[in-house]
Amino acid sequence: MFFCKQTGENYPMKKTIAISLAAVASLGLAACAETETAAEEETTEEAEADMEATADEAEADMEAMGEDMEAMGDEAMGEMEAAADDVEAAADDAAAEMDGEM
């Protein structure tokens, strides 16, 4: 039934009008569903891009950290070798003094 506000009477709705309204409503719902699907896909793609960028940044940071650690290890090794050379030189000097006193 269709209610007329002006006359206050109920009129039977014709099948053609009812079918047309149903078709329009279903097309509207389908269009909304497609829009929502497209928006969800776009959001998913943006999230994937963000995750990939974050992973790339983390990889670059780890690589840089590894290079820094390698440089620090090389520097520490150089300092230890220099200290060992100093100890060896001091031992040689002490041995030479002892030989000279004898």
PDB file of N, CA and C in Angstrom:
ATOM      1  N   MET A   1       0.834  -1.182   0.000  1.00  0.00           N
ATOM      2  CA  MET A   1       0.000   0.000   0.000  1.00  0.00           C
ATOM      3  C   MET A   1       0.878   1.245   0.000  1.00  0.00           C
ATOM      4  N   PHE A   2       0.348   2.242  -0.574  1.00  0.00           N
ATOM      5  CA  PHE A   2       1.004   3.527  -0.646  1.00  0.00           C
ATOM      6  C   PHE A   2       0.121   4.542   0.052  1.00  0.00           C
ATOM      7  N   PHE A   3       0.669   5.278   1.012  1.00  0.00           N
ATOM      8  CA  PHE A   3      -0.100   6.257   1.776  1.00  0.00           C
ATOM      9  C   PHE A   3       0.110   7.634   1.174  1.00  0.00           C
ATOM     10  N   CYS A   4      -0.975   8.326   0.862  1.00  0.00           N
ATOM     11  CA  CYS A   4      -0.919   9.675   0.304  1.00  0.00           C
ATOM     12  C   CYS A   4      -1.052  10.668   1.450  1.00  0.00           C
ATOM     13  N   LYS A   5      -0.063  11.511   1.620  1.00  0.00           N
ATOM     14  CA  LYS A   5      -0.081  12.482   2.709  1.00  0.00           C
ATOM     15  C   LYS A   5      -1.149  13.558   2.492  1.00  0.00           C
ATOM     16  N   GLN A   6      -1.390  13.921   1.281  1.00  0.00           N
ATOM     17  CA  GLN A   6      -2.344  14.989   0.991  1.00  0.00           C
ATOM     18  C   GLN A   6      -3.789  14.570   1.265  1.00  0.00           C
ATOM     19  N   THR A   7      -4.143  13.394   0.833  1.00  0.00           N
ATOM     20  CA  THR A   7      -5.535  12.964   0.982  1.00  0.00           C
ATOM     21  C   THR A   7      -5.733  12.080   2.205  1.00  0.00           C
ATOM     22  N   GLY A   8      -4.634  11.503   2.706  1.00  0.00           N
ATOM     23  CA  GLY A   8      -4.731  10.612   3.864  1.00  0.00           C
ATOM     24  C   GLY A   8      -5.265   9.251   3.512  1.00  0.00           C
ATOM     25  N   GLU A   9      -5.297   8.919   2.240  1.00  0.00           N
ATOM     26  CA  GLU A   9      -5.836   7.636   1.809  1.00  0.00           C
ATOM     27  C   GLU A   9      -4.713   6.679   1.435  1.00  0.00           C
ATOM     28  N   ASN A  10      -4.996   5.401   1.541  1.00  0.00           N
ATOM     29  CA  ASN A  10      -4.070   4.354   1.125  1.00  0.00           C
ATOM     30  C   ASN A  10      -4.437   3.908  -0.281  1.00  0.00           C
ATOM     31  N   TYR A  11      -3.429   3.762  -1.126  1.00  0.00           N
ATOM     32  CA  TYR A  11      -3.623   3.290  -2.494  1.00  0.00           C
ATOM     33  C   TYR A  11      -2.745   2.059  -2.706  1.00  0.00           C
ATOM     34  N   PRO A  12      -3.237   1.100  -3.425  1.00  0.00           N
ATOM     35  CA  PRO A  12      -2.385  -0.054  -3.710  1.00  0.00           C
ATOM     36  C   PRO A  12      -1.241   0.352  -4.644  1.00  0.00           C
ATOM     37  N   MET A  13      -0.040  -0.145  -4.367  1.00  0.00           N
ATOM     38  CA  MET A  13       1.111   0.182  -5.189  1.00  0.00           C
ATOM     39  C   MET A  13       1.126  -0.749  -6.396  1.00  0.00           C
ATOM     40  N   LYS A  14       1.324  -0.198  -7.536  1.00  0.00           N
ATOM     41  CA  LYS A  14       1.348  -1.004  -8.747  1.00  0.00           C
ATOM     42  C   LYS A  14       2.656  -1.784  -8.806  1.00  0.00           C
ATOM     43  N   LYS A  15       2.609  -2.954  -9.446  1.00  0.00           N
ATOM     44  CA  LYS A  15       3.775  -3.817  -9.535  1.00  0.00           C
ATOM     45  C   LYS A  15       4.932  -3.131 -10.242  1.00  0.00           C
ATOM     46  N   THR A  16       4.657  -2.360 -11.259  1.00  0.00           N
ATOM     47  CA  THR A  16       5.744  -1.709 -12.006  1.00  0.00           C
ATOM     48  C   THR A  16       6.494  -0.714 -11.131  1.00  0.00           C
ATOM     49  N   ILE A  17       5.750  -0.001 -10.291  1.00  0.00           N
ATOM     50  CA  ILE A  17       6.408   0.945  -9.384  1.00  0.00           C
ATOM     51  C   ILE A  17       7.212   0.189  -8.332  1.00  0.00           C
ATOM     52  N   ALA A  18       6.639  -0.854  -7.787  1.00  0.00           N
ATOM     53  CA  ALA A  18       7.328  -1.637  -6.765  1.00  0.00           C
ATOM     54  C   ALA A  18       8.598  -2.269  -7.324  1.00  0.00           C
ATOM     55  N   ILE A  19       8.514  -2.819  -8.536  1.00  0.00           N
ATOM     56  CA  ILE A  19       9.684  -3.448  -9.163  1.00  0.00           C
ATOM     57  C   ILE A  19      10.744  -2.389  -9.454  1.00  0.00           C
ATOM     58  N   SER A  20      10.307  -1.227  -9.930  1.00  0.00           N
ATOM     59  CA  SER A  20      11.256  -0.143 -10.225  1.00  0.00           C
ATOM     60  C   SER A  20      11.976   0.307  -8.956  1.00  0.00           C
ATOM     61  N   LEU A  21      11.220   0.480  -7.881  1.00  0.00           N
ATOM     62  CA  LEU A  21      11.836   0.885  -6.609  1.00  0.00           C
ATOM     63  C   LEU A  21      12.816  -0.171  -6.104  1.00  0.00           C
ATOM     64  N   ALA A  22      12.437  -1.431  -6.232  1.00  0.00           N
ATOM     65  CA  ALA A  22      13.324  -2.510  -5.797  1.00  0.00           C
ATOM     66  C   ALA A  22      14.602  -2.522  -6.630  1.00  0.00           C
ATOM     67  N   ALA A  23      14.472  -2.305  -7.937  1.00  0.00           N
ATOM     68  CA  ALA A  23      15.641  -2.290  -8.819  1.00  0.00           C
ATOM     69  C   ALA A  23      16.569  -1.130  -8.477  1.00  0.00           C
ATOM     70  N   VAL A  24      15.985   0.038  -8.261  1.00  0.00           N
ATOM     71  CA  VAL A  24      16.790   1.210  -7.914  1.00  0.00           C
ATOM     72  C   VAL A  24      17.501   0.985  -6.579  1.00  0.00           C
ATOM     73  N   ALA A  25      16.785   0.443  -5.618  1.00  0.00           N
ATOM     74  CA  ALA A  25      17.392   0.180  -4.310  1.00  0.00           C
ATOM     75  C   ALA A  25      18.529  -0.829  -4.420  1.00  0.00           C
ATOM     76  N   SER A  26      18.331  -1.890  -5.200  1.00  0.00           N
ATOM     77  CA  SER A  26      19.382  -2.906  -5.327  1.00  0.00           C
ATOM     78  C   SER A  26      20.589  -2.356  -6.064  1.00  0.00           C
ATOM     79  N   LEU A  27      20.356  -1.504  -7.075  1.00  0.00           N
ATOM     80  CA  LEU A  27      21.490  -0.878  -7.768  1.00  0.00           C
ATOM     81  C   LEU A  27      22.256   0.049  -6.836  1.00  0.00           C
ATOM     82  N   GLY A  28      21.523   0.767  -6.018  1.00  0.00           N
ATOM     83  CA  GLY A  28      22.173   1.653  -5.041  1.00  0.00           C
ATOM     84  C   GLY A  28      23.018   0.868  -4.060  1.00  0.00           C
ATOM     85  N   LEU A  29      22.467  -0.249  -3.579  1.00  0.00           N
ATOM     86  CA  LEU A  29      23.237  -1.091  -2.652  1.00  0.00           C
ATOM     87  C   LEU A  29      24.456  -1.684  -3.336  1.00  0.00           C
ATOM     88  N   ALA A  30      24.312  -2.098  -4.572  1.00  0.00           N
ATOM     89  CA  ALA A  30      25.441  -2.664  -5.314  1.00  0.00           C
ATOM     90  C   ALA A  30      26.529  -1.613  -5.517  1.00  0.00           C
ATOM     91  N   ALA A  31      26.111  -0.395  -5.834  1.00  0.00           N
ATOM     92  CA  ALA A  31      27.089   0.675  -6.022  1.00  0.00           C
ATOM     93  C   ALA A  31      27.824   0.974  -4.718  1.00  0.00           C
ATOM     94  N   CYS A  32      27.107   0.976  -3.609  1.00  0.00           N
ATOM     95  CA  CYS A  32      27.736   1.195  -2.305  1.00  0.00           C
ATOM     96  C   CYS A  32      28.718   0.073  -1.991  1.00  0.00           C
ATOM     97  N   ALA A  33      28.322  -1.154  -2.299  1.00  0.00           N
ATOM     98  CA  ALA A  33      29.196  -2.295  -2.027  1.00  0.00           C
ATOM     99  C   ALA A  33      30.467  -2.198  -2.851  1.00  0.00           C
ATOM    100  N   GLU A  34      30.355  -1.794  -4.138  1.00  0.00           N
ATOM    101  CA  GLU A  34      31.534  -1.646  -4.970  1.00  0.00           C
ATOM    102  C   GLU A  34      32.430  -0.541  -4.446  1.00  0.00           C
ATOM    103  N   THR A  35      31.835   0.560  -4.002  1.00  0.00           N
ATOM    104  CA  THR A  35      32.611   1.675  -3.453  1.00  0.00           C
ATOM    105  C   THR A  35      33.337   1.237  -2.192  1.00  0.00           C
ATOM    106  N   GLU A  36      32.635   0.497  -1.322  1.00  0.00           N
ATOM    107  CA  GLU A  36      33.264   0.017  -0.088  1.00  0.00           C
ATOM    108  C   GLU A  36      34.387  -0.956  -0.398  1.00  0.00           C
ATOM    109  N   THR A  37      34.176  -1.847  -1.376  1.00  0.00           N
ATOM    110  CA  THR A  37      35.210  -2.809  -1.759  1.00  0.00           C
ATOM    111  C   THR A  37      36.433  -2.077  -2.297  1.00  0.00           C
ATOM    112  N   ALA A  38      36.208  -1.078  -3.142  1.00  0.00           N
ATOM    113  CA  ALA A  38      37.324  -0.308  -3.695  1.00  0.00           C
ATOM    114  C   ALA A  38      38.073   0.417  -2.582  1.00  0.00           C
ATOM    115  N   ALA A  39      37.332   0.976  -1.629  1.00  0.00           N
ATOM    116  CA  ALA A  39      37.967   1.671  -0.507  1.00  0.00           C
ATOM    117  C   ALA A  39      38.763   0.699   0.352  1.00  0.00           C
ATOM    118  N   GLU A  40      38.208  -0.498   0.582  1.00  0.00           N
ATOM    119  CA  GLU A  40      38.923  -1.505   1.370  1.00  0.00           C
ATOM    120  C   GLU A  40      40.190  -1.950   0.655  1.00  0.00           C
ATOM    121  N   GLU A  41      40.109  -2.147  -0.660  1.00  0.00           N
ATOM    122  CA  GLU A  41      41.291  -2.536  -1.430  1.00  0.00           C
ATOM    123  C   GLU A  41      42.348  -1.445  -1.382  1.00  0.00           C
ATOM    124  N   GLU A  42      41.922  -0.190  -1.487  1.00  0.00           N
ATOM    125  CA  GLU A  42      42.865   0.926  -1.439  1.00  0.00           C
ATOM    126  C   GLU A  42      43.531   0.988  -0.065  1.00  0.00           C
ATOM    127  N   THR A  43      42.748   0.796   0.985  1.00  0.00           N
ATOM    128  CA  THR A  43      43.295   0.803   2.340  1.00  0.00           C
ATOM    129  C   THR A  43      44.288  -0.337   2.522  1.00  0.00           C
ATOM    130  N   THR A  44      43.955  -1.500   1.994  1.00  0.00           N
ATOM    131  CA  THR A  44      44.852  -2.656   2.083  1.00  0.00           C
ATOM    132  C   THR A  44      46.151  -2.389   1.338  1.00  0.00           C
ATOM    133  N   GLU A  45      46.044  -1.818   0.129  1.00  0.00           N
ATOM    134  CA  GLU A  45      47.240  -1.507  -0.646  1.00  0.00           C
ATOM    135  C   GLU A  45      48.103  -0.473   0.061  1.00  0.00           C
ATOM    136  N   GLU A  46      47.479   0.525   0.685  1.00  0.00           N
ATOM    137  CA  GLU A  46      48.236   1.535   1.428  1.00  0.00           C
ATOM    138  C   GLU A  46      48.943   0.905   2.624  1.00  0.00           C
ATOM    139  N   ALA A  47      48.254   0.000   3.309  1.00  0.00           N
ATOM    140  CA  ALA A  47      48.859  -0.681   4.453  1.00  0.00           C
ATOM    141  C   ALA A  47      50.038  -1.540   4.012  1.00  0.00           C
ATOM    142  N   GLU A  48      49.877  -2.237   2.878  1.00  0.00           N
ATOM    143  CA  GLU A  48      50.980  -3.048   2.346  1.00  0.00           C
ATOM    144  C   GLU A  48      52.177  -2.169   2.004  1.00  0.00           C
ATOM    145  N   ALA A  49      51.918  -1.027   1.378  1.00  0.00           N
ATOM    146  CA  ALA A  49      53.006  -0.112   1.009  1.00  0.00           C
ATOM    147  C   ALA A  49      53.707   0.418   2.250  1.00  0.00           C
ATOM    148  N   ASP A  50      52.926   0.761   3.286  1.00  0.00           N
ATOM    149  CA  ASP A  50      53.516   1.235   4.541  1.00  0.00           C
ATOM    150  C   ASP A  50      54.378   0.160   5.188  1.00  0.00           C
ATOM    151  N   MET A  51      53.874  -1.077   5.195  1.00  0.00           N
ATOM    152  CA  MET A  51      54.631  -2.174   5.804  1.00  0.00           C
ATOM    153  C   MET A  51      55.923  -2.430   5.032  1.00  0.00           C
ATOM    154  N   GLU A  52      55.840  -2.376   3.708  1.00  0.00           N
ATOM    155  CA  GLU A  52      57.035  -2.600   2.890  1.00  0.00           C
ATOM    156  C   GLU A  52      58.062  -1.495   3.124  1.00  0.00           C
ATOM    157  N   ALA A  53      57.600  -0.253   3.200  1.00  0.00           N
ATOM    158  CA  ALA A  53      58.505   0.869   3.452  1.00  0.00           C
ATOM    159  C   ALA A  53      59.155   0.728   4.831  1.00  0.00           C
ATOM    160  N   THR A  54      58.375   0.323   5.818  1.00  0.00           N
ATOM    161  CA  THR A  54      58.908   0.134   7.168  1.00  0.00           C
ATOM    162  C   THR A  54      59.944  -0.982   7.184  1.00  0.00           C
ATOM    163  N   ALA A  55      59.664  -2.072   6.472  1.00  0.00           N
ATOM    164  CA  ALA A  55      60.621  -3.180   6.398  1.00  0.00           C
ATOM    165  C   ALA A  55      61.908  -2.741   5.704  1.00  0.00           C
ATOM    166  N   ASP A  56      61.784  -1.958   4.648  1.00  0.00           N
ATOM    167  CA  ASP A  56      62.965  -1.460   3.940  1.00  0.00           C
ATOM    168  C   ASP A  56      63.806  -0.554   4.845  1.00  0.00           C
ATOM    169  N   GLU A  57      63.128   0.313   5.599  1.00  0.00           N
ATOM    170  CA  GLU A  57      63.841   1.197   6.533  1.00  0.00           C
ATOM    171  C   GLU A  57      64.546   0.393   7.616  1.00  0.00           C
ATOM    172  N   ALA A  58      63.866  -0.625   8.136  1.00  0.00           N
ATOM    173  CA  ALA A  58      64.465  -1.466   9.176  1.00  0.00           C
ATOM    174  C   ALA A  58      65.681  -2.205   8.631  1.00  0.00           C
ATOM    175  N   GLU A  59      65.574  -2.697   7.399  1.00  0.00           N
ATOM    176  CA  GLU A  59      66.698  -3.392   6.780  1.00  0.00           C
ATOM    177  C   GLU A  59      67.897  -2.450   6.617  1.00  0.00           C
ATOM    178  N   ALA A  60      67.620  -1.221   6.163  1.00  0.00           N
ATOM    179  CA  ALA A  60      68.691  -0.230   6.001  1.00  0.00           C
ATOM    180  C   ALA A  60      69.321   0.119   7.346  1.00  0.00           C
ATOM    181  N   ASP A  61      68.489   0.249   8.384  1.00  0.00           N
ATOM    182  CA  ASP A  61      69.004   0.541   9.723  1.00  0.00           C
ATOM    183  C   ASP A  61      69.882  -0.592  10.238  1.00  0.00           C
ATOM    184  N   MET A  62      69.436  -1.831  10.013  1.00  0.00           N
ATOM    185  CA  MET A  62      70.217  -2.992  10.465  1.00  0.00           C
ATOM    186  C   MET A  62      71.552  -3.069   9.718  1.00  0.00           C
ATOM    187  N   GLU A  63      71.514  -2.777   8.440  1.00  0.00           N
ATOM    188  CA  GLU A  63      72.733  -2.793   7.638  1.00  0.00           C
ATOM    189  C   GLU A  63      73.706  -1.732   8.142  1.00  0.00           C
ATOM    190  N   ALA A  64      73.197  -0.537   8.393  1.00  0.00           N
ATOM    191  CA  ALA A  64      74.039   0.549   8.896  1.00  0.00           C
ATOM    192  C   ALA A  64      74.598   0.192  10.273  1.00  0.00           C
ATOM    193  N   MET A  65      73.765  -0.412  11.113  1.00  0.00           N
ATOM    194  CA  MET A  65      74.222  -0.797  12.444  1.00  0.00           C
ATOM    195  C   MET A  65      75.327  -1.857  12.338  1.00  0.00           C
ATOM    196  N   GLY A  66      75.170  -2.799  11.417  1.00  0.00           N
ATOM    197  CA  GLY A  66      76.194  -3.822  11.208  1.00  0.00           C
ATOM    198  C   GLY A  66      77.505  -3.214  10.761  1.00  0.00           C
ATOM    199  N   GLU A  67      77.419  -2.225   9.852  1.00  0.00           N
ATOM    200  CA  GLU A  67      78.630  -1.542   9.394  1.00  0.00           C
ATOM    201  C   GLU A  67      79.284  -0.779  10.542  1.00  0.00           C
ATOM    202  N   ASP A  68      78.477  -0.124  11.382  1.00  0.00           N
ATOM    203  CA  ASP A  68      79.011   0.601  12.536  1.00  0.00           C
ATOM    204  C   ASP A  68      79.699  -0.357  13.507  1.00  0.00           C
ATOM    205  N   MET A  69      79.062  -1.499  13.744  1.00  0.00           N
ATOM    206  CA  MET A  69      79.649  -2.477  14.674  1.00  0.00           C
ATOM    207  C   MET A  69      80.959  -3.030  14.109  1.00  0.00           C
ATOM    208  N   GLU A  70      81.001  -3.259  12.803  1.00  0.00           N
ATOM    209  CA  GLU A  70      82.226  -3.754  12.177  1.00  0.00           C
ATOM    210  C   GLU A  70      83.348  -2.722  12.326  1.00  0.00           C
ATOM    211  N   ALA A  71      83.015  -1.448  12.098  1.00  0.00           N
ATOM    212  CA  ALA A  71      84.010  -0.378  12.238  1.00  0.00           C
ATOM    213  C   ALA A  71      84.502  -0.282  13.683  1.00  0.00           C
ATOM    214  N   MET A  72      83.579  -0.403  14.639  1.00  0.00           N
ATOM    215  CA  MET A  72      83.982  -0.354  16.053  1.00  0.00           C
ATOM    216  C   MET A  72      84.859  -1.552  16.403  1.00  0.00           C
ATOM    217  N   GLY A  73      84.534  -2.718  15.871  1.00  0.00           N
ATOM    218  CA  GLY A  73      85.345  -3.911  16.111  1.00  0.00           C
ATOM    219  C   GLY A  73      86.735  -3.751  15.527  1.00  0.00           C
ATOM    220  N   ASP A  74      86.827  -3.195  14.322  1.00  0.00           N
ATOM    221  CA  ASP A  74      88.135  -2.954  13.702  1.00  0.00           C
ATOM    222  C   ASP A  74      88.952  -1.971  14.532  1.00  0.00           C
ATOM    223  N   GLU A  75      88.289  -0.922  15.015  1.00  0.00           N
ATOM    224  CA  GLU A  75      88.978   0.080  15.834  1.00  0.00           C
ATOM    225  C   GLU A  75      89.468  -0.538  17.140  1.00  0.00           C
ATOM    226  N   ALA A  76      88.628  -1.337  17.786  1.00  0.00           N
ATOM    227  CA  ALA A  76      89.019  -1.984  19.044  1.00  0.00           C
ATOM    228  C   ALA A  76      90.177  -2.947  18.809  1.00  0.00           C
ATOM    229  N   MET A  77      90.126  -3.689  17.701  1.00  0.00           N
ATOM    230  CA  MET A  77      91.208  -4.623  17.386  1.00  0.00           C
ATOM    231  C   MET A  77      92.519  -3.872  17.170  1.00  0.00           C
ATOM    232  N   GLY A  78      92.447  -2.751  16.471  1.00  0.00           N
ATOM    233  CA  GLY A  78      93.644  -1.922  16.260  1.00  0.00           C
ATOM    234  C   GLY A  78      94.221  -1.427  17.566  1.00  0.00           C
ATOM    235  N   GLU A  79      93.341  -0.995  18.474  1.00  0.00           N
ATOM    236  CA  GLU A  79      93.807  -0.515  19.783  1.00  0.00           C
ATOM    237  C   GLU A  79      94.432  -1.649  20.600  1.00  0.00           C
ATOM    238  N   MET A  80      93.838  -2.839  20.510  1.00  0.00           N
ATOM    239  CA  MET A  80      94.407  -3.991  21.247  1.00  0.00           C
ATOM    240  C   MET A  80      95.764  -4.379  20.672  1.00  0.00           C
ATOM    241  N   GLU A  81      95.904  -4.346  19.360  1.00  0.00           N
ATOM    242  CA  GLU A  81      97.196  -4.665  18.748  1.00  0.00           C
ATOM    243  C   GLU A  81      98.250  -3.637  19.136  1.00  0.00           C
ATOM    244  N   ALA A  82      97.857  -2.359  19.172  1.00  0.00           N
ATOM    245  CA  ALA A  82      98.791  -1.309  19.578  1.00  0.00           C
ATOM    246  C   ALA A  82      99.208  -1.503  21.033  1.00  0.00           C
ATOM    247  N   ALA A  83      98.257  -1.847  21.897  1.00  0.00           N
ATOM    248  CA  ALA A  83      98.574  -2.089  23.311  1.00  0.00           C
ATOM    249  C   ALA A  83      99.493  -3.295  23.448  1.00  0.00           C
ATOM    250  N   ALA A  84      99.246  -4.349  22.662  1.00  0.00           N
ATOM    251  CA  ALA A  84     100.107  -5.536  22.708  1.00  0.00           C
ATOM    252  C   ALA A  84     101.524  -5.185  22.242  1.00  0.00           C
ATOM    253  N   ASP A  85     101.621  -4.348  21.208  1.00  0.00           N
ATOM    254  CA  ASP A  85     102.938  -3.909  20.744  1.00  0.00           C
ATOM    255  C   ASP A  85     103.665  -3.115  21.822  1.00  0.00           C
ATOM    256  N   ASP A  86     102.920  -2.242  22.539  1.00  0.00           N
ATOM    257  CA  ASP A  86     103.518  -1.456  23.625  1.00  0.00           C
ATOM    258  C   ASP A  86     104.028  -2.365  24.738  1.00  0.00           C
ATOM    259  N   VAL A  87     103.236  -3.380  25.093  1.00  0.00           N
ATOM    260  CA  VAL A  87     103.640  -4.317  26.150  1.00  0.00           C
ATOM    261  C   VAL A  87     104.881  -5.091  25.700  1.00  0.00           C
ATOM    262  N   GLU A  88     104.891  -5.518  24.456  1.00  0.00           N
ATOM    263  CA  GLU A  88     106.045  -6.262  23.943  1.00  0.00           C
ATOM    264  C   GLU A  88     107.306  -5.385  23.947  1.00  0.00           C
ATOM    265  N   ALA A  89     107.136  -4.126  23.533  1.00  0.00           N
ATOM    266  CA  ALA A  89     108.282  -3.197  23.523  1.00  0.00           C
ATOM    267  C   ALA A  89     108.779  -2.951  24.940  1.00  0.00           C
ATOM    268  N   ALA A  90     107.865  -2.812  25.889  1.00  0.00           N
ATOM    269  CA  ALA A  90     108.264  -2.593  27.285  1.00  0.00           C
ATOM    270  C   ALA A  90     108.993  -3.817  27.827  1.00  0.00           C
ATOM    271  N   ALA A  91     108.517  -5.012  27.467  1.00  0.00           N
ATOM    272  CA  ALA A  91     109.174  -6.246  27.909  1.00  0.00           C
ATOM    273  C   ALA A  91     110.563  -6.353  27.302  1.00  0.00           C
ATOM    274  N   ASP A  92     110.692  -5.990  26.023  1.00  0.00           N
ATOM    275  CA  ASP A  92     112.009  -6.017  25.380  1.00  0.00           C
ATOM    276  C   ASP A  92     112.968  -5.034  26.043  1.00  0.00           C
ATOM    277  N   ASP A  93     112.466  -3.824  26.372  1.00  0.00           N
ATOM    278  CA  ASP A  93     113.291  -2.824  27.047  1.00  0.00           C
ATOM    279  C   ASP A  93     113.724  -3.324  28.422  1.00  0.00           C
ATOM    280  N   ALA A  94     112.797  -3.937  29.144  1.00  0.00           N
ATOM    281  CA  ALA A  94     113.126  -4.457  30.478  1.00  0.00           C
ATOM    282  C   ALA A  94     114.157  -5.574  30.366  1.00  0.00           C
ATOM    283  N   ALA A  95     114.042  -6.445  29.377  1.00  0.00           N
ATOM    284  CA  ALA A  95     114.998  -7.531  29.185  1.00  0.00           C
ATOM    285  C   ALA A  95     116.347  -6.984  28.800  1.00  0.00           C
ATOM    286  N   ALA A  96     116.374  -5.940  27.979  1.00  0.00           N
ATOM    287  CA  ALA A  96     117.664  -5.328  27.587  1.00  0.00           C
ATOM    288  C   ALA A  96     118.341  -4.689  28.774  1.00  0.00           C
ATOM    289  N   GLU A  97     117.573  -4.035  29.639  1.00  0.00           N
ATOM    290  CA  GLU A  97     118.159  -3.436  30.848  1.00  0.00           C
ATOM    291  C   GLU A  97     118.730  -4.495  31.766  1.00  0.00           C
ATOM    292  N   MET A  98     118.012  -5.599  31.883  1.00  0.00           N
ATOM    293  CA  MET A  98     118.490  -6.672  32.761  1.00  0.00           C
ATOM    294  C   MET A  98     119.766  -7.287  32.183  1.00  0.00           C
ATOM    295  N   ASP A  99     119.822  -7.428  30.861  1.00  0.00           N
ATOM    296  CA  ASP A  99     121.017  -7.967  30.239  1.00  0.00           C
ATOM    297  C   ASP A  99     122.188  -6.997  30.398  1.00  0.00           C
ATOM    298  N   GLY A 100     121.902  -5.712  30.346  1.00  0.00           N
ATOM    299  CA  GLY A 100     122.954  -4.699  30.484  1.00  0.00           C
ATOM    300  C   GLY A 100     123.479  -4.632  31.906  1.00  0.00           C
ATOM    301  N   GLU A 101     122.707  -4.943  32.890  1.00  0.00           N
ATOM    302  CA  GLU A 101     123.123  -4.895  34.286  1.00  0.00           C
ATOM    303  C   GLU A 101     123.928  -6.124  34.652  1.00  0.00           C
ATOM    304  N   MET A 102     123.834  -7.138  33.907  1.00  0.00           N
ATOM    305  CA  MET A 102     124.547  -8.366  34.239  1.00  0.00           C
ATOM    306  C   MET A 102     125.930  -8.323  33.761  1.00  0.00           C
TER     307      MET A 102
END
